[in-house]
Amino acid sequence: MAKQYWAQLIDFDEEMESACISGATDHEDAAETLVADFVGAMGGEITQGAVRVWVQGGDVEKVYDWKVDLVMPEGDEGNASANDDEIEVEAEIELIQRV
């Protein structure tokens, strides 16, 4: 049976909902997936925080501090039309496991 990873963003003023991360292969993969989805949903406004990851039914929990560096693609400034609401932005996620 495949492991089912859960993750929750922590260290915010309000408690965030935990989420089952489908397809995650390990704790770090689950953390990166949740952080990428969150940063994308927030439009890049929040670029650092912490995430807690665990396996359902397991006793191992890992906590990571995370930081995202957003990189705007070069050379596309003049190519965006007036109707484009979205700009493709690359993100590099850095995870540091708390000990």
PDB file of N, CA and C in Angstrom:
ATOM      1  N   MET A   1       0.841  -1.178   0.000  1.00  0.00           N
ATOM      2  CA  MET A   1       0.000   0.000   0.000  1.00  0.00           C
ATOM      3  C   MET A   1       0.887   1.242   0.000  1.00  0.00           C
ATOM      4  N   ALA A   2       0.558   2.218  -0.827  1.00  0.00           N
ATOM      5  CA  ALA A   2       1.337   3.443  -0.938  1.00  0.00           C
ATOM      6  C   ALA A   2       1.136   4.316   0.296  1.00  0.00           C
ATOM      7  N   LYS A   3       2.195   5.021   0.662  1.00  0.00           N
ATOM      8  CA  LYS A   3       2.109   5.940   1.794  1.00  0.00           C
ATOM      9  C   LYS A   3       1.267   7.149   1.388  1.00  0.00           C
ATOM     10  N   GLN A   4       0.481   7.645   2.332  1.00  0.00           N
ATOM     11  CA  GLN A   4      -0.344   8.811   2.073  1.00  0.00           C
ATOM     12  C   GLN A   4       0.229   9.975   2.891  1.00  0.00           C
ATOM     13  N   TYR A   5       0.794  10.956   2.183  1.00  0.00           N
ATOM     14  CA  TYR A   5       1.427  12.095   2.845  1.00  0.00           C
ATOM     15  C   TYR A   5       0.422  13.215   3.059  1.00  0.00           C
ATOM     16  N   TRP A   6       0.522  13.845   4.219  1.00  0.00           N
ATOM     17  CA  TRP A   6      -0.297  14.997   4.568  1.00  0.00           C
ATOM     18  C   TRP A   6       0.639  16.155   4.880  1.00  0.00           C
ATOM     19  N   ALA A   7       0.190  17.361   4.581  1.00  0.00           N
ATOM     20  CA  ALA A   7       1.009  18.539   4.842  1.00  0.00           C
ATOM     21  C   ALA A   7       0.124  19.682   5.310  1.00  0.00           C
ATOM     22  N   GLN A   8       0.734  20.564   6.103  1.00  0.00           N
ATOM     23  CA  GLN A   8       0.013  21.717   6.629  1.00  0.00           C
ATOM     24  C   GLN A   8       0.990  22.881   6.749  1.00  0.00           C
ATOM     25  N   LEU A   9       0.586  24.030   6.235  1.00  0.00           N
ATOM     26  CA  LEU A   9       1.375  25.240   6.419  1.00  0.00           C
ATOM     27  C   LEU A   9       1.205  25.682   7.859  1.00  0.00           C
ATOM     28  N   ILE A  10       2.304  26.060   8.496  1.00  0.00           N
ATOM     29  CA  ILE A  10       2.262  26.450   9.904  1.00  0.00           C
ATOM     30  C   ILE A  10       2.929  27.811  10.085  1.00  0.00           C
ATOM     31  N   ASP A  11       2.890  28.305  11.298  1.00  0.00           N
ATOM     32  CA  ASP A  11       3.499  29.587  11.673  1.00  0.00           C
ATOM     33  C   ASP A  11       2.804  30.788  11.044  1.00  0.00           C
ATOM     34  N   PHE A  12       1.517  30.660  10.755  1.00  0.00           N
ATOM     35  CA  PHE A  12       0.717  31.789  10.286  1.00  0.00           C
ATOM     36  C   PHE A  12      -0.186  32.234  11.427  1.00  0.00           C
ATOM     37  N   ASP A  13      -0.739  33.435  11.337  1.00  0.00           N
ATOM     38  CA  ASP A  13      -1.634  33.944  12.376  1.00  0.00           C
ATOM     39  C   ASP A  13      -2.856  33.047  12.549  1.00  0.00           C
ATOM     40  N   GLU A  14      -3.386  32.549  11.444  1.00  0.00           N
ATOM     41  CA  GLU A  14      -4.540  31.654  11.484  1.00  0.00           C
ATOM     42  C   GLU A  14      -4.080  30.236  11.166  1.00  0.00           C
ATOM     43  N   GLU A  15      -4.741  29.243  11.778  1.00  0.00           N
ATOM     44  CA  GLU A  15      -4.398  27.855  11.488  1.00  0.00           C
ATOM     45  C   GLU A  15      -4.849  27.502  10.079  1.00  0.00           C
ATOM     46  N   MET A  16      -3.965  26.879   9.330  1.00  0.00           N
ATOM     47  CA  MET A  16      -4.253  26.476   7.956  1.00  0.00           C
ATOM     48  C   MET A  16      -4.731  25.026   7.951  1.00  0.00           C
ATOM     49  N   GLU A  17      -5.590  24.701   6.983  1.00  0.00           N
ATOM     50  CA  GLU A  17      -6.085  23.330   6.831  1.00  0.00           C
ATOM     51  C   GLU A  17      -4.957  22.422   6.358  1.00  0.00           C
ATOM     52  N   SER A  18      -4.947  21.190   6.828  1.00  0.00           N
ATOM     53  CA  SER A  18      -3.991  20.214   6.305  1.00  0.00           C
ATOM     54  C   SER A  18      -4.558  19.629   5.018  1.00  0.00           C
ATOM     55  N   ALA A  19      -3.679  19.110   4.181  1.00  0.00           N
ATOM     56  CA  ALA A  19      -4.106  18.573   2.890  1.00  0.00           C
ATOM     57  C   ALA A  19      -3.376  17.267   2.607  1.00  0.00           C
ATOM     58  N   CYS A  20      -4.101  16.322   2.014  1.00  0.00           N
ATOM     59  CA  CYS A  20      -3.497  15.082   1.545  1.00  0.00           C
ATOM     60  C   CYS A  20      -2.813  15.400   0.208  1.00  0.00           C
ATOM     61  N   ILE A  21      -1.552  15.047   0.092  1.00  0.00           N
ATOM     62  CA  ILE A  21      -0.776  15.372  -1.109  1.00  0.00           C
ATOM     63  C   ILE A  21      -0.686  14.127  -1.983  1.00  0.00           C
ATOM     64  N   SER A  22      -1.550  14.050  -2.982  1.00  0.00           N
ATOM     65  CA  SER A  22      -1.586  12.897  -3.881  1.00  0.00           C
ATOM     66  C   SER A  22      -0.310  12.814  -4.704  1.00  0.00           C
ATOM     67  N   GLY A  23       0.219  11.614  -4.826  1.00  0.00           N
ATOM     68  CA  GLY A  23       1.380  11.379  -5.670  1.00  0.00           C
ATOM     69  C   GLY A  23       2.715  11.720  -5.039  1.00  0.00           C
ATOM     70  N   ALA A  24       2.721  12.203  -3.797  1.00  0.00           N
ATOM     71  CA  ALA A  24       3.991  12.537  -3.139  1.00  0.00           C
ATOM     72  C   ALA A  24       4.783  11.262  -2.881  1.00  0.00           C
ATOM     73  N   THR A  25       6.094  11.345  -3.088  1.00  0.00           N
ATOM     74  CA  THR A  25       6.950  10.175  -2.907  1.00  0.00           C
ATOM     75  C   THR A  25       7.693  10.188  -1.580  1.00  0.00           C
ATOM     76  N   ASP A  26       7.800  11.366  -0.962  1.00  0.00           N
ATOM     77  CA  ASP A  26       8.446  11.475   0.339  1.00  0.00           C
ATOM     78  C   ASP A  26       8.026  12.782   1.010  1.00  0.00           C
ATOM     79  N   HIS A  27       8.528  13.020   2.208  1.00  0.00           N
ATOM     80  CA  HIS A  27       8.151  14.216   2.963  1.00  0.00           C
ATOM     81  C   HIS A  27       8.487  15.499   2.198  1.00  0.00           C
ATOM     82  N   GLU A  28       9.679  15.537   1.631  1.00  0.00           N
ATOM     83  CA  GLU A  28      10.130  16.735   0.922  1.00  0.00           C
ATOM     84  C   GLU A  28       9.276  17.010  -0.320  1.00  0.00           C
ATOM     85  N   ASP A  29       8.932  15.976  -1.048  1.00  0.00           N
ATOM     86  CA  ASP A  29       8.089  16.111  -2.232  1.00  0.00           C
ATOM     87  C   ASP A  29       6.714  16.670  -1.843  1.00  0.00           C
ATOM     88  N   ALA A  30       6.162  16.165  -0.755  1.00  0.00           N
ATOM     89  CA  ALA A  30       4.864  16.654  -0.279  1.00  0.00           C
ATOM     90  C   ALA A  30       4.955  18.122   0.128  1.00  0.00           C
ATOM     91  N   ALA A  31       6.039  18.486   0.805  1.00  0.00           N
ATOM     92  CA  ALA A  31       6.227  19.874   1.225  1.00  0.00           C
ATOM     93  C   ALA A  31       6.321  20.804   0.014  1.00  0.00           C
ATOM     94  N   GLU A  32       7.124  20.434  -0.972  1.00  0.00           N
ATOM     95  CA  GLU A  32       7.291  21.257  -2.169  1.00  0.00           C
ATOM     96  C   GLU A  32       5.975  21.428  -2.920  1.00  0.00           C
ATOM     97  N   THR A  33       5.194  20.361  -3.001  1.00  0.00           N
ATOM     98  CA  THR A  33       3.911  20.426  -3.709  1.00  0.00           C
ATOM     99  C   THR A  33       2.963  21.398  -3.039  1.00  0.00           C
ATOM    100  N   LEU A  34       2.830  21.303  -1.707  1.00  0.00           N
ATOM    101  CA  LEU A  34       1.921  22.198  -0.994  1.00  0.00           C
ATOM    102  C   LEU A  34       2.385  23.647  -1.084  1.00  0.00           C
ATOM    103  N   VAL A  35       3.683  23.873  -0.921  1.00  0.00           N
ATOM    104  CA  VAL A  35       4.219  25.234  -0.986  1.00  0.00           C
ATOM    105  C   VAL A  35       4.001  25.831  -2.382  1.00  0.00           C
ATOM    106  N   ALA A  36       4.269  25.063  -3.429  1.00  0.00           N
ATOM    107  CA  ALA A  36       4.087  25.566  -4.797  1.00  0.00           C
ATOM    108  C   ALA A  36       2.627  25.928  -5.058  1.00  0.00           C
ATOM    109  N   ASP A  37       1.710  25.069  -4.623  1.00  0.00           N
ATOM    110  CA  ASP A  37       0.287  25.364  -4.806  1.00  0.00           C
ATOM    111  C   ASP A  37      -0.123  26.613  -4.038  1.00  0.00           C
ATOM    112  N   PHE A  38       0.363  26.750  -2.801  1.00  0.00           N
ATOM    113  CA  PHE A  38       0.010  27.894  -1.966  1.00  0.00           C
ATOM    114  C   PHE A  38       0.547  29.201  -2.548  1.00  0.00           C
ATOM    115  N   VAL A  39       1.822  29.201  -2.923  1.00  0.00           N
ATOM    116  CA  VAL A  39       2.428  30.419  -3.477  1.00  0.00           C
ATOM    117  C   VAL A  39       1.715  30.820  -4.766  1.00  0.00           C
ATOM    118  N   GLY A  40       1.376  29.840  -5.605  1.00  0.00           N
ATOM    119  CA  GLY A  40       0.647  30.132  -6.838  1.00  0.00           C
ATOM    120  C   GLY A  40      -0.728  30.703  -6.556  1.00  0.00           C
ATOM    121  N   ALA A  41      -1.428  30.125  -5.588  1.00  0.00           N
ATOM    122  CA  ALA A  41      -2.768  30.614  -5.248  1.00  0.00           C
ATOM    123  C   ALA A  41      -2.727  32.019  -4.651  1.00  0.00           C
ATOM    124  N   MET A  42      -1.636  32.338  -3.966  1.00  0.00           N
ATOM    125  CA  MET A  42      -1.501  33.658  -3.345  1.00  0.00           C
ATOM    126  C   MET A  42      -0.896  34.681  -4.309  1.00  0.00           C
ATOM    127  N   GLY A  43      -0.640  34.277  -5.532  1.00  0.00           N
ATOM    128  CA  GLY A  43      -0.085  35.203  -6.514  1.00  0.00           C
ATOM    129  C   GLY A  43       1.319  35.662  -6.184  1.00  0.00           C
ATOM    130  N   GLY A  44       2.042  34.874  -5.426  1.00  0.00           N
ATOM    131  CA  GLY A  44       3.426  35.222  -5.093  1.00  0.00           C
ATOM    132  C   GLY A  44       3.560  36.247  -3.991  1.00  0.00           C
ATOM    133  N   GLU A  45       2.457  36.579  -3.309  1.00  0.00           N
ATOM    134  CA  GLU A  45       2.517  37.590  -2.250  1.00  0.00           C
ATOM    135  C   GLU A  45       3.237  37.077  -1.005  1.00  0.00           C
ATOM    136  N   ILE A  46       3.119  35.796  -0.715  1.00  0.00           N
ATOM    137  CA  ILE A  46       3.800  35.208   0.442  1.00  0.00           C
ATOM    138  C   ILE A  46       4.874  34.274  -0.101  1.00  0.00           C
ATOM    139  N   THR A  47       6.126  34.514   0.300  1.00  0.00           N
ATOM    140  CA  THR A  47       7.233  33.753  -0.273  1.00  0.00           C
ATOM    141  C   THR A  47       8.092  33.055   0.771  1.00  0.00           C
ATOM    142  N   GLN A  48       7.609  32.971   2.015  1.00  0.00           N
ATOM    143  CA  GLN A  48       8.344  32.213   3.017  1.00  0.00           C
ATOM    144  C   GLN A  48       7.410  31.785   4.134  1.00  0.00           C
ATOM    145  N   GLY A  49       7.801  30.728   4.809  1.00  0.00           N
ATOM    146  CA  GLY A  49       6.987  30.216   5.895  1.00  0.00           C
ATOM    147  C   GLY A  49       7.531  28.887   6.376  1.00  0.00           C
ATOM    148  N   ALA A  50       6.621  28.050   6.898  1.00  0.00           N
ATOM    149  CA  ALA A  50       6.998  26.727   7.383  1.00  0.00           C
ATOM    150  C   ALA A  50       5.890  25.747   7.022  1.00  0.00           C
ATOM    151  N   VAL A  51       6.264  24.489   6.861  1.00  0.00           N
ATOM    152  CA  VAL A  51       5.305  23.445   6.503  1.00  0.00           C
ATOM    153  C   VAL A  51       5.618  22.194   7.322  1.00  0.00           C
ATOM    154  N   ARG A  52       4.565  21.547   7.771  1.00  0.00           N
ATOM    155  CA  ARG A  52       4.663  20.309   8.553  1.00  0.00           C
ATOM    156  C   ARG A  52       4.152  19.174   7.674  1.00  0.00           C
ATOM    157  N   VAL A  53       4.898  18.054   7.621  1.00  0.00           N
ATOM    158  CA  VAL A  53       4.529  16.920   6.760  1.00  0.00           C
ATOM    159  C   VAL A  53       4.585  15.636   7.570  1.00  0.00           C
ATOM    160  N   TRP A  54       3.596  14.765   7.348  1.00  0.00           N
ATOM    161  CA  TRP A  54       3.566  13.468   8.014  1.00  0.00           C
ATOM    162  C   TRP A  54       2.907  12.440   7.116  1.00  0.00           C
ATOM    163  N   VAL A  55       3.110  11.167   7.468  1.00  0.00           N
ATOM    164  CA  VAL A  55       2.488  10.063   6.760  1.00  0.00           C
ATOM    165  C   VAL A  55       1.289   9.619   7.583  1.00  0.00           C
ATOM    166  N   GLN A  56       0.154   9.450   6.910  1.00  0.00           N
ATOM    167  CA  GLN A  56      -1.048   9.020   7.618  1.00  0.00           C
ATOM    168  C   GLN A  56      -0.785   7.690   8.321  1.00  0.00           C
ATOM    169  N   GLY A  57      -1.086   7.641   9.599  1.00  0.00           N
ATOM    170  CA  GLY A  57      -0.885   6.428  10.380  1.00  0.00           C
ATOM    171  C   GLY A  57       0.538   6.232  10.858  1.00  0.00           C
ATOM    172  N   GLY A  58       1.434   7.122  10.479  1.00  0.00           N
ATOM    173  CA  GLY A  58       2.833   7.009  10.887  1.00  0.00           C
ATOM    174  C   GLY A  58       3.137   7.926  12.053  1.00  0.00           C
ATOM    175  N   ASP A  59       4.309   7.754  12.629  1.00  0.00           N
ATOM    176  CA  ASP A  59       4.681   8.598  13.759  1.00  0.00           C
ATOM    177  C   ASP A  59       5.826   9.558  13.428  1.00  0.00           C
ATOM    178  N   VAL A  60       6.264   9.565  12.175  1.00  0.00           N
ATOM    179  CA  VAL A  60       7.345  10.459  11.764  1.00  0.00           C
ATOM    180  C   VAL A  60       6.758  11.726  11.155  1.00  0.00           C
ATOM    181  N   GLU A  61       7.129  12.851  11.752  1.00  0.00           N
ATOM    182  CA  GLU A  61       6.691  14.151  11.244  1.00  0.00           C
ATOM    183  C   GLU A  61       7.943  14.977  10.968  1.00  0.00           C
ATOM    184  N   LYS A  62       7.938  15.676   9.847  1.00  0.00           N
ATOM    185  CA  LYS A  62       9.063  16.547   9.519  1.00  0.00           C
ATOM    186  C   LYS A  62       8.527  17.961   9.311  1.00  0.00           C
ATOM    187  N   VAL A  63       9.303  18.939   9.775  1.00  0.00           N
ATOM    188  CA  VAL A  63       8.939  20.345   9.618  1.00  0.00           C
ATOM    189  C   VAL A  63      10.042  21.018   8.821  1.00  0.00           C
ATOM    190  N   TYR A  64       9.633  21.767   7.813  1.00  0.00           N
ATOM    191  CA  TYR A  64      10.575  22.483   6.952  1.00  0.00           C
ATOM    192  C   TYR A  64      10.258  23.977   6.978  1.00  0.00           C
ATOM    193  N   ASP A  65      11.299  24.798   7.056  1.00  0.00           N
ATOM    194  CA  ASP A  65      11.160  26.216   6.742  1.00  0.00           C
ATOM    195  C   ASP A  65      11.313  26.311   5.241  1.00  0.00           C
ATOM    196  N   TRP A  66      10.527  27.191   4.612  1.00  0.00           N
ATOM    197  CA  TRP A  66      10.603  27.301   3.160  1.00  0.00           C
ATOM    198  C   TRP A  66      10.722  28.750   2.730  1.00  0.00           C
ATOM    199  N   LYS A  67      11.350  28.915   1.588  1.00  0.00           N
ATOM    200  CA  LYS A  67      11.508  30.229   0.960  1.00  0.00           C
ATOM    201  C   LYS A  67      11.385  30.014  -0.537  1.00  0.00           C
ATOM    202  N   VAL A  68      10.697  30.913  -1.209  1.00  0.00           N
ATOM    203  CA  VAL A  68      10.514  30.812  -2.648  1.00  0.00           C
ATOM    204  C   VAL A  68      11.133  32.037  -3.315  1.00  0.00           C
ATOM    205  N   ASP A  69      11.972  31.794  -4.296  1.00  0.00           N
ATOM    206  CA  ASP A  69      12.520  32.864  -5.134  1.00  0.00           C
ATOM    207  C   ASP A  69      11.766  32.838  -6.449  1.00  0.00           C
ATOM    208  N   LEU A  70      11.084  33.937  -6.757  1.00  0.00           N
ATOM    209  CA  LEU A  70      10.322  34.035  -8.000  1.00  0.00           C
ATOM    210  C   LEU A  70      11.192  34.673  -9.072  1.00  0.00           C
ATOM    211  N   VAL A  71      11.181  34.075 -10.268  1.00  0.00           N
ATOM    212  CA  VAL A  71      11.998  34.560 -11.380  1.00  0.00           C
ATOM    213  C   VAL A  71      11.071  34.894 -12.542  1.00  0.00           C
ATOM    214  N   MET A  72      11.064  36.156 -12.930  1.00  0.00           N
ATOM    215  CA  MET A  72      10.278  36.576 -14.093  1.00  0.00           C
ATOM    216  C   MET A  72      11.033  36.179 -15.357  1.00  0.00           C
ATOM    217  N   PRO A  73      10.346  35.615 -16.330  1.00  0.00           N
ATOM    218  CA  PRO A  73      11.030  35.238 -17.575  1.00  0.00           C
ATOM    219  C   PRO A  73      11.535  36.476 -18.306  1.00  0.00           C
ATOM    220  N   GLU A  74      12.723  36.363 -18.860  1.00  0.00           N
ATOM    221  CA  GLU A  74      13.305  37.491 -19.583  1.00  0.00           C
ATOM    222  C   GLU A  74      12.808  37.515 -21.022  1.00  0.00           C
ATOM    223  N   GLY A  75      12.660  38.710 -21.558  1.00  0.00           N
ATOM    224  CA  GLY A  75      12.321  38.866 -22.963  1.00  0.00           C
ATOM    225  C   GLY A  75      10.844  38.790 -23.285  1.00  0.00           C
ATOM    226  N   ASP A  76       9.973  38.517 -22.308  1.00  0.00           N
ATOM    227  CA  ASP A  76       8.547  38.409 -22.590  1.00  0.00           C
ATOM    228  C   ASP A  76       7.767  39.682 -22.265  1.00  0.00           C
ATOM    229  N   GLU A  77       8.455  40.725 -21.790  1.00  0.00           N
ATOM    230  CA  GLU A  77       7.748  41.937 -21.366  1.00  0.00           C
ATOM    231  C   GLU A  77       6.916  42.549 -22.487  1.00  0.00           C
ATOM    232  N   GLY A  78       7.455  42.582 -23.684  1.00  0.00           N
ATOM    233  CA  GLY A  78       6.753  43.206 -24.797  1.00  0.00           C
ATOM    234  C   GLY A  78       5.777  42.286 -25.507  1.00  0.00           C
ATOM    235  N   ASN A  79       5.784  40.998 -25.182  1.00  0.00           N
ATOM    236  CA  ASN A  79       4.945  40.032 -25.875  1.00  0.00           C
ATOM    237  C   ASN A  79       3.589  39.802 -25.227  1.00  0.00           C
ATOM    238  N   ALA A  80       3.381  40.315 -24.020  1.00  0.00           N
ATOM    239  CA  ALA A  80       2.103  40.094 -23.328  1.00  0.00           C
ATOM    240  C   ALA A  80       1.039  40.986 -23.950  1.00  0.00           C
ATOM    241  N   SER A  81      -0.086  40.397 -24.278  1.00  0.00           N
ATOM    242  CA  SER A  81      -1.174  41.186 -24.834  1.00  0.00           C
ATOM    243  C   SER A  81      -1.981  41.812 -23.708  1.00  0.00           C
ATOM    244  N   ALA A  82      -2.809  42.763 -24.024  1.00  0.00           N
ATOM    245  CA  ALA A  82      -3.623  43.448 -23.029  1.00  0.00           C
ATOM    246  C   ALA A  82      -4.633  42.506 -22.385  1.00  0.00           C
ATOM    247  N   ASN A  83      -4.956  41.391 -23.037  1.00  0.00           N
ATOM    248  CA  ASN A  83      -5.933  40.448 -22.505  1.00  0.00           C
ATOM    249  C   ASN A  83      -5.318  39.382 -21.605  1.00  0.00           C
ATOM    250  N   ASP A  84      -4.007  39.319 -21.540  1.00  0.00           N
ATOM    251  CA  ASP A  84      -3.349  38.316 -20.707  1.00  0.00           C
ATOM    252  C   ASP A  84      -3.398  38.736 -19.245  1.00  0.00           C
ATOM    253  N   ASP A  85      -4.075  37.931 -18.426  1.00  0.00           N
ATOM    254  CA  ASP A  85      -4.130  38.215 -17.002  1.00  0.00           C
ATOM    255  C   ASP A  85      -3.042  37.467 -16.239  1.00  0.00           C
ATOM    256  N   GLU A  86      -2.479  36.444 -16.851  1.00  0.00           N
ATOM    257  CA  GLU A  86      -1.497  35.614 -16.175  1.00  0.00           C
ATOM    258  C   GLU A  86      -0.134  35.742 -16.841  1.00  0.00           C
ATOM    259  N   ILE A  87       0.882  35.777 -16.019  1.00  0.00           N
ATOM    260  CA  ILE A  87       2.257  35.782 -16.488  1.00  0.00           C
ATOM    261  C   ILE A  87       2.910  34.526 -15.940  1.00  0.00           C
ATOM    262  N   GLU A  88       3.566  33.774 -16.794  1.00  0.00           N
ATOM    263  CA  GLU A  88       4.260  32.561 -16.373  1.00  0.00           C
ATOM    264  C   GLU A  88       5.510  32.968 -15.596  1.00  0.00           C
ATOM    265  N   VAL A  89       5.591  32.564 -14.336  1.00  0.00           N
ATOM    266  CA  VAL A  89       6.720  32.899 -13.474  1.00  0.00           C
ATOM    267  C   VAL A  89       7.341  31.606 -12.973  1.00  0.00           C
ATOM    268  N   GLU A  90       8.651  31.546 -13.017  1.00  0.00           N
ATOM    269  CA  GLU A  90       9.341  30.376 -12.494  1.00  0.00           C
ATOM    270  C   GLU A  90       9.613  30.588 -11.016  1.00  0.00           C
ATOM    271  N   ALA A  91       9.541  29.515 -10.246  1.00  0.00           N
ATOM    272  CA  ALA A  91       9.779  29.602  -8.810  1.00  0.00           C
ATOM    273  C   ALA A  91      10.776  28.534  -8.388  1.00  0.00           C
ATOM    274  N   GLU A  92      11.694  28.934  -7.545  1.00  0.00           N
ATOM    275  CA  GLU A  92      12.647  27.997  -6.968  1.00  0.00           C
ATOM    276  C   GLU A  92      12.336  27.907  -5.479  1.00  0.00           C
ATOM    277  N   ILE A  93      11.988  26.694  -5.026  1.00  0.00           N
ATOM    278  CA  ILE A  93      11.607  26.479  -3.639  1.00  0.00           C
ATOM    279  C   ILE A  93      12.801  25.916  -2.872  1.00  0.00           C
ATOM    280  N   GLU A  94      13.124  26.579  -1.770  1.00  0.00           N
ATOM    281  CA  GLU A  94      14.197  26.109  -0.913  1.00  0.00           C
ATOM    282  C   GLU A  94      13.578  25.608   0.395  1.00  0.00           C
ATOM    283  N   LEU A  95      13.845  24.354   0.730  1.00  0.00           N
ATOM    284  CA  LEU A  95      13.347  23.755   1.963  1.00  0.00           C
ATOM    285  C   LEU A  95      14.517  23.492   2.896  1.00  0.00           C
ATOM    286  N   ILE A  96      14.358  23.867   4.161  1.00  0.00           N
ATOM    287  CA  ILE A  96      15.364  23.590   5.172  1.00  0.00           C
ATOM    288  C   ILE A  96      14.678  22.856   6.308  1.00  0.00           C
ATOM    289  N   GLN A  97      15.068  21.600   6.528  1.00  0.00           N
ATOM    290  CA  GLN A  97      14.421  20.806   7.564  1.00  0.00           C
ATOM    291  C   GLN A  97      14.839  21.281   8.947  1.00  0.00           C
ATOM    292  N   ARG A  98      13.840  21.472   9.814  1.00  0.00           N
ATOM    293  CA  ARG A  98      14.120  21.821  11.207  1.00  0.00           C
ATOM    294  C   ARG A  98      14.580  20.567  11.928  1.00  0.00           C
ATOM    295  N   VAL A  99      15.489  20.765  12.866  1.00  0.00           N
ATOM    296  CA  VAL A  99      16.000  19.622  13.620  1.00  0.00           C
ATOM    297  C   VAL A  99      15.445  19.609  15.016  1.00  0.00           C
TER     298      VAL A  99
END
